[in-house]
Amino acid sequence: MVKENCKFICINCGASISELCKKYSETVLKLVKCSKCKLIADKYIEYDIIIVIIDLILLQKEAYRHILYNSEFNSHWKLAVMLQMMEVYSEWIHIVKHKDNYKITYEYATTDVELYMLSFRVFFRSICSLLIILALTAMYNLIKSQSIYKSFPIVWKAMVMSNFGSFLLLPSLIWDNSLQEFHIVFVALYTTLSQLLAYTVVCDCIKIWSVVVIVLAYNGKMFANELYDIIYSTILNQYNFLIY
């Protein structure tokens, strides 16, 4: 993790640095080189945001480090809400298009209620996945004699950033059914790789541990999906029993 007395990190090697550039005048700035790797600490300072986004899509560690540590992007919660809405809407459309073949658990009266329940379902499985990641991170920090809770905010931000692949679900809403299933699998794999890269960036751990954390979080997400269906069905059956 980044040292407490350092405000930024080198995007190339991850070393802690105190500043990214030196200001000699109002119009003259000089980028600082990292004392460890001897490279420019953060080249993205001079880049347009579009270039940074492209490198994020291409899964560049440097871009993740720039956004998470060296930028002033603090609207992660807004991005998280947008990603959740995108995932909910995509899944809702997928169910509507495959209504005849989809074994839906709930007995909804309208598609609006279906959308609301899907929102709770997506939110529940996302929370479960995040809690698994935070729990495993806390366990790793405890083993390494590091602060257990210090890394939680940056890990949460990294997981939000790594889920931007959900926006790639948009084409599946207009493609034909023969390509839709393949596209959904592709987005899931891409998002998993993004999470693996983002977790590796923010946690100073071996790669195999990052793989274990992300795989367990993904499996926990799928289990939470089924658990939500079971809980809802149980509550609905109990409600119907009491009413009738």
Protein backbone atom coordinates (compact mmCIF):
# COMPACT_ATOMS: atom_id res chain seq x y z
CA MET A 1 0.00 0.00 0.00
CA VAL A 2 0.98 3.66 -0.34
CA LYS A 3 2.89 5.07 2.59
CA GLU A 4 1.04 7.50 4.84
CA ASN A 5 3.56 10.34 4.41
CA CYS A 6 3.33 10.24 0.62
CA LYS A 7 0.45 11.71 -1.32
CA PHE A 8 0.97 10.07 -4.72
CA ILE A 9 2.47 6.97 -6.32
CA CYS A 10 4.52 6.25 -9.42
CA ILE A 11 2.23 4.71 -12.01
CA ASN A 12 5.07 2.59 -13.40
CA CYS A 13 6.36 0.77 -10.31
CA GLY A 14 3.88 1.79 -7.60
CA ALA A 15 6.49 3.46 -5.40
CA SER A 16 5.34 6.26 -3.10
CA ILE A 17 6.27 9.82 -4.05
CA SER A 18 5.54 13.18 -2.51
CA GLU A 19 4.79 15.13 -5.69
CA LEU A 20 4.07 14.56 -9.37
CA CYS A 21 5.42 17.79 -10.83
CA LYS A 22 7.38 20.88 -9.94
CA LYS A 23 5.95 24.30 -10.72
CA TYR A 24 8.55 26.86 -11.76
CA SER A 25 6.10 29.49 -12.96
CA GLU A 26 2.49 29.91 -14.00
CA THR A 27 3.22 28.37 -17.39
CA VAL A 28 6.18 26.10 -16.68
CA LEU A 29 5.71 22.67 -15.08
CA LYS A 30 8.17 19.82 -14.97
CA LEU A 31 7.08 16.26 -14.39
CA VAL A 32 8.89 14.50 -11.56
CA LYS A 33 10.79 11.27 -12.16
CA CYS A 34 10.46 8.35 -9.77
CA SER A 35 13.57 7.80 -7.66
CA LYS A 36 13.04 4.03 -7.84
CA CYS A 37 12.42 3.27 -11.53
CA LYS A 38 13.85 6.55 -12.93
CA LEU A 39 10.78 7.01 -15.16
CA ILE A 40 8.30 9.89 -15.21
CA ALA A 41 6.12 9.30 -12.16
CA ASP A 42 2.80 10.03 -13.90
CA LYS A 43 2.72 10.77 -17.62
CA TYR A 44 -1.10 10.99 -17.63
CA ILE A 45 -0.97 14.44 -16.04
CA GLU A 46 -0.37 15.85 -19.52
CA TYR A 47 -2.84 13.51 -21.25
CA ASP A 48 -6.44 14.13 -22.14
CA ILE A 49 -9.01 12.19 -20.12
CA ILE A 50 -10.06 10.29 -23.26
CA ILE A 51 -6.57 8.77 -23.50
CA VAL A 52 -6.80 7.67 -19.87
CA ILE A 53 -10.20 6.06 -20.47
CA ILE A 54 -8.87 4.21 -23.52
CA ASP A 55 -5.97 2.84 -21.45
CA LEU A 56 -8.45 1.81 -18.75
CA ILE A 57 -10.39 -0.14 -21.37
CA LEU A 58 -7.12 -1.72 -22.50
CA LEU A 59 -6.48 -2.80 -18.88
CA GLN A 60 -3.33 -0.76 -18.30
CA LYS A 61 -2.11 -0.77 -14.70
CA GLU A 62 -0.68 2.72 -15.14
CA ALA A 63 -4.12 4.13 -15.94
CA TYR A 64 -5.66 2.49 -12.88
CA ARG A 65 -2.92 3.86 -10.63
CA HIS A 66 -3.38 7.34 -12.06
CA ILE A 67 -7.14 7.39 -11.49
CA LEU A 68 -7.08 5.74 -8.06
CA TYR A 69 -4.11 7.50 -6.50
CA ASN A 70 -3.06 10.56 -8.48
CA SER A 71 -6.33 12.07 -9.68
CA GLU A 72 -9.12 13.96 -7.95
CA PHE A 73 -11.89 11.66 -9.14
CA ASN A 74 -14.15 11.29 -6.09
CA SER A 75 -17.47 10.36 -7.69
CA HIS A 76 -17.03 6.61 -7.34
CA TRP A 77 -20.42 6.24 -5.64
CA LYS A 78 -22.13 7.90 -8.63
CA LEU A 79 -20.32 5.55 -10.99
CA ALA A 80 -21.35 2.61 -8.78
CA VAL A 81 -25.03 3.63 -9.02
CA MET A 82 -24.82 4.00 -12.80
CA LEU A 83 -23.17 0.59 -13.17
CA GLN A 84 -25.82 -1.04 -10.98
CA MET A 85 -28.59 0.54 -13.05
CA MET A 86 -26.91 -0.60 -16.26
CA GLU A 87 -26.64 -4.16 -14.99
CA VAL A 88 -30.24 -4.20 -13.76
CA TYR A 89 -31.65 -2.85 -17.00
CA SER A 90 -29.59 -5.23 -19.14
CA GLU A 91 -30.71 -8.24 -17.10
CA TRP A 92 -34.33 -7.06 -17.18
CA ILE A 93 -34.28 -6.74 -20.98
CA HIS A 94 -32.63 -10.14 -21.24
CA ILE A 95 -35.45 -11.70 -19.19
CA VAL A 96 -38.14 -9.96 -21.23
CA LYS A 97 -36.62 -11.18 -24.50
CA HIS A 98 -36.40 -14.76 -23.19
CA LYS A 99 -39.63 -14.82 -21.21
CA ASP A 100 -40.75 -18.19 -22.57
CA ASN A 101 -37.49 -19.99 -21.80
CA TYR A 102 -36.50 -18.15 -18.65
CA LYS A 103 -37.39 -19.92 -15.39
CA ILE A 104 -38.17 -16.91 -13.29
CA THR A 105 -38.56 -17.46 -9.55
CA TYR A 106 -40.84 -14.56 -8.78
CA GLU A 107 -44.57 -14.24 -9.41
CA TYR A 108 -44.71 -10.64 -10.51
CA ALA A 109 -47.88 -8.81 -11.40
CA THR A 110 -46.17 -6.26 -13.66
CA THR A 111 -42.82 -5.80 -15.33
CA ASP A 112 -42.28 -2.69 -13.18
CA VAL A 113 -42.30 -4.80 -10.03
CA GLU A 114 -39.97 -7.24 -11.78
CA LEU A 115 -37.55 -4.40 -12.43
CA TYR A 116 -37.64 -3.31 -8.78
CA MET A 117 -36.99 -6.84 -7.52
CA LEU A 118 -34.16 -7.30 -10.00
CA SER A 119 -32.66 -4.07 -8.63
CA PHE A 120 -32.67 -5.52 -5.11
CA ARG A 121 -31.22 -8.76 -6.45
CA VAL A 122 -28.32 -7.09 -8.29
CA PHE A 123 -27.59 -4.82 -5.33
CA PHE A 124 -27.62 -7.78 -2.92
CA ARG A 125 -25.18 -9.87 -4.96
CA SER A 126 -22.88 -6.88 -5.52
CA ILE A 127 -22.76 -6.19 -1.79
CA CYS A 128 -21.99 -9.85 -1.06
CA SER A 129 -19.17 -9.86 -3.61
CA LEU A 130 -17.68 -6.67 -2.16
CA LEU A 131 -17.91 -7.98 1.41
CA ILE A 132 -16.03 -11.14 0.40
CA ILE A 133 -13.27 -9.06 -1.18
CA LEU A 134 -13.00 -6.79 1.87
CA ALA A 135 -13.00 -9.75 4.26
CA LEU A 136 -10.21 -11.51 2.35
CA THR A 137 -8.27 -8.24 2.13
CA ALA A 138 -8.59 -7.75 5.90
CA MET A 139 -7.37 -11.30 6.48
CA TYR A 140 -4.37 -10.73 4.20
CA ASN A 141 -3.53 -7.43 5.93
CA LEU A 142 -3.79 -9.13 9.30
CA ILE A 143 -1.33 -11.82 8.21
CA LYS A 144 1.04 -9.15 6.90
CA SER A 145 0.67 -7.13 10.14
CA GLN A 146 -0.80 -4.19 8.24
CA SER A 147 -3.75 -1.97 9.06
CA ILE A 148 -6.89 -4.05 8.53
CA TYR A 149 -9.29 -1.27 7.57
CA LYS A 150 -7.00 1.30 5.96
CA SER A 151 -7.15 -0.28 2.50
CA PHE A 152 -10.96 -0.66 2.43
CA PRO A 153 -11.77 2.71 0.73
CA ILE A 154 -9.23 2.27 -2.06
CA VAL A 155 -10.26 -1.36 -2.60
CA TRP A 156 -13.89 -0.30 -2.91
CA LYS A 157 -12.96 2.41 -5.41
CA ALA A 158 -10.88 -0.08 -7.41
CA MET A 159 -13.76 -2.55 -7.58
CA VAL A 160 -16.13 0.18 -8.75
CA MET A 161 -13.69 1.29 -11.44
CA SER A 162 -13.11 -2.28 -12.59
CA ASN A 163 -16.84 -2.83 -13.17
CA PHE A 164 -17.05 -0.20 -15.89
CA GLY A 165 -17.19 -3.12 -18.33
CA SER A 166 -20.90 -3.29 -17.52
CA PHE A 167 -21.36 -0.45 -20.03
CA LEU A 168 -20.35 -2.98 -22.68
CA LEU A 169 -23.70 -4.65 -22.06
CA LEU A 170 -25.40 -1.90 -24.08
CA PRO A 171 -24.79 -3.56 -27.48
CA SER A 172 -26.43 -6.76 -26.23
CA LEU A 173 -29.71 -4.86 -25.89
CA ILE A 174 -29.89 -4.31 -29.66
CA TRP A 175 -28.07 -7.36 -31.06
CA ASP A 176 -29.96 -10.43 -32.15
CA ASN A 177 -30.36 -13.37 -29.78
CA SER A 178 -27.69 -15.50 -31.50
CA LEU A 179 -24.98 -13.03 -30.43
CA GLN A 180 -26.44 -11.90 -27.13
CA GLU A 181 -25.43 -14.92 -25.03
CA PHE A 182 -21.85 -14.80 -26.31
CA HIS A 183 -21.66 -11.07 -25.63
CA ILE A 184 -22.85 -11.45 -22.03
CA VAL A 185 -20.20 -14.12 -21.39
CA PHE A 186 -17.55 -11.88 -22.95
CA VAL A 187 -18.52 -8.94 -20.72
CA ALA A 188 -18.43 -11.18 -17.63
CA LEU A 189 -14.94 -12.42 -18.50
CA TYR A 190 -13.72 -8.90 -19.28
CA THR A 191 -15.11 -7.55 -16.01
CA THR A 192 -13.45 -10.36 -14.07
CA LEU A 193 -10.08 -9.57 -15.68
CA SER A 194 -10.59 -5.88 -14.87
CA GLN A 195 -11.29 -6.72 -11.23
CA LEU A 196 -8.20 -8.91 -11.08
CA LEU A 197 -6.03 -6.11 -12.47
CA ALA A 198 -7.55 -3.45 -10.21
CA TYR A 199 -7.14 -5.60 -7.09
CA THR A 200 -3.52 -6.30 -7.99
CA VAL A 201 -2.93 -2.56 -8.34
CA VAL A 202 -4.27 -1.58 -4.92
CA CYS A 203 -3.05 -4.60 -2.92
CA ASP A 204 0.62 -5.41 -2.50
CA CYS A 205 0.22 -9.17 -2.82
CA ILE A 206 1.24 -12.06 -5.04
CA LYS A 207 -0.83 -12.60 -8.19
CA ILE A 208 -2.15 -15.98 -7.09
CA TRP A 209 -3.77 -14.32 -4.05
CA SER A 210 -5.49 -11.78 -6.32
CA VAL A 211 -6.82 -14.63 -8.45
CA VAL A 212 -8.13 -16.43 -5.34
CA VAL A 213 -9.86 -13.29 -4.06
CA ILE A 214 -11.59 -12.45 -7.36
CA VAL A 215 -12.62 -16.06 -8.06
CA LEU A 216 -14.10 -16.45 -4.58
CA ALA A 217 -15.88 -13.10 -4.92
CA TYR A 218 -17.35 -14.16 -8.27
CA ASN A 219 -18.53 -17.49 -6.86
CA GLY A 220 -19.96 -15.65 -3.87
CA LYS A 221 -21.82 -13.35 -6.24
CA MET A 222 -23.39 -16.31 -8.04
CA PHE A 223 -24.30 -17.97 -4.72
CA ALA A 224 -25.85 -14.71 -3.50
CA ASN A 225 -27.95 -14.67 -6.66
CA GLU A 226 -29.41 -18.08 -5.83
CA LEU A 227 -29.72 -17.24 -2.14
CA TYR A 228 -31.77 -14.16 -2.91
CA ASP A 229 -34.17 -16.25 -5.01
CA ILE A 230 -34.55 -18.77 -2.18
CA ILE A 231 -35.13 -16.09 0.46
CA TYR A 232 -37.65 -14.27 -1.69
CA SER A 233 -39.54 -17.45 -2.56
CA THR A 234 -39.67 -18.45 1.11
CA ILE A 235 -41.00 -15.06 2.18
CA LEU A 236 -43.54 -15.04 -0.65
CA ASN A 237 -44.79 -18.54 0.22
CA GLN A 238 -45.13 -17.61 3.88
CA TYR A 239 -47.04 -14.46 2.94
CA ASN A 240 -49.42 -16.37 0.67
CA PHE A 241 -49.94 -18.99 3.39
CA LEU A 242 -50.89 -16.35 5.95
CA ILE A 243 -53.20 -14.54 3.52
CA TYR A 244 -55.02 -17.61 2.25
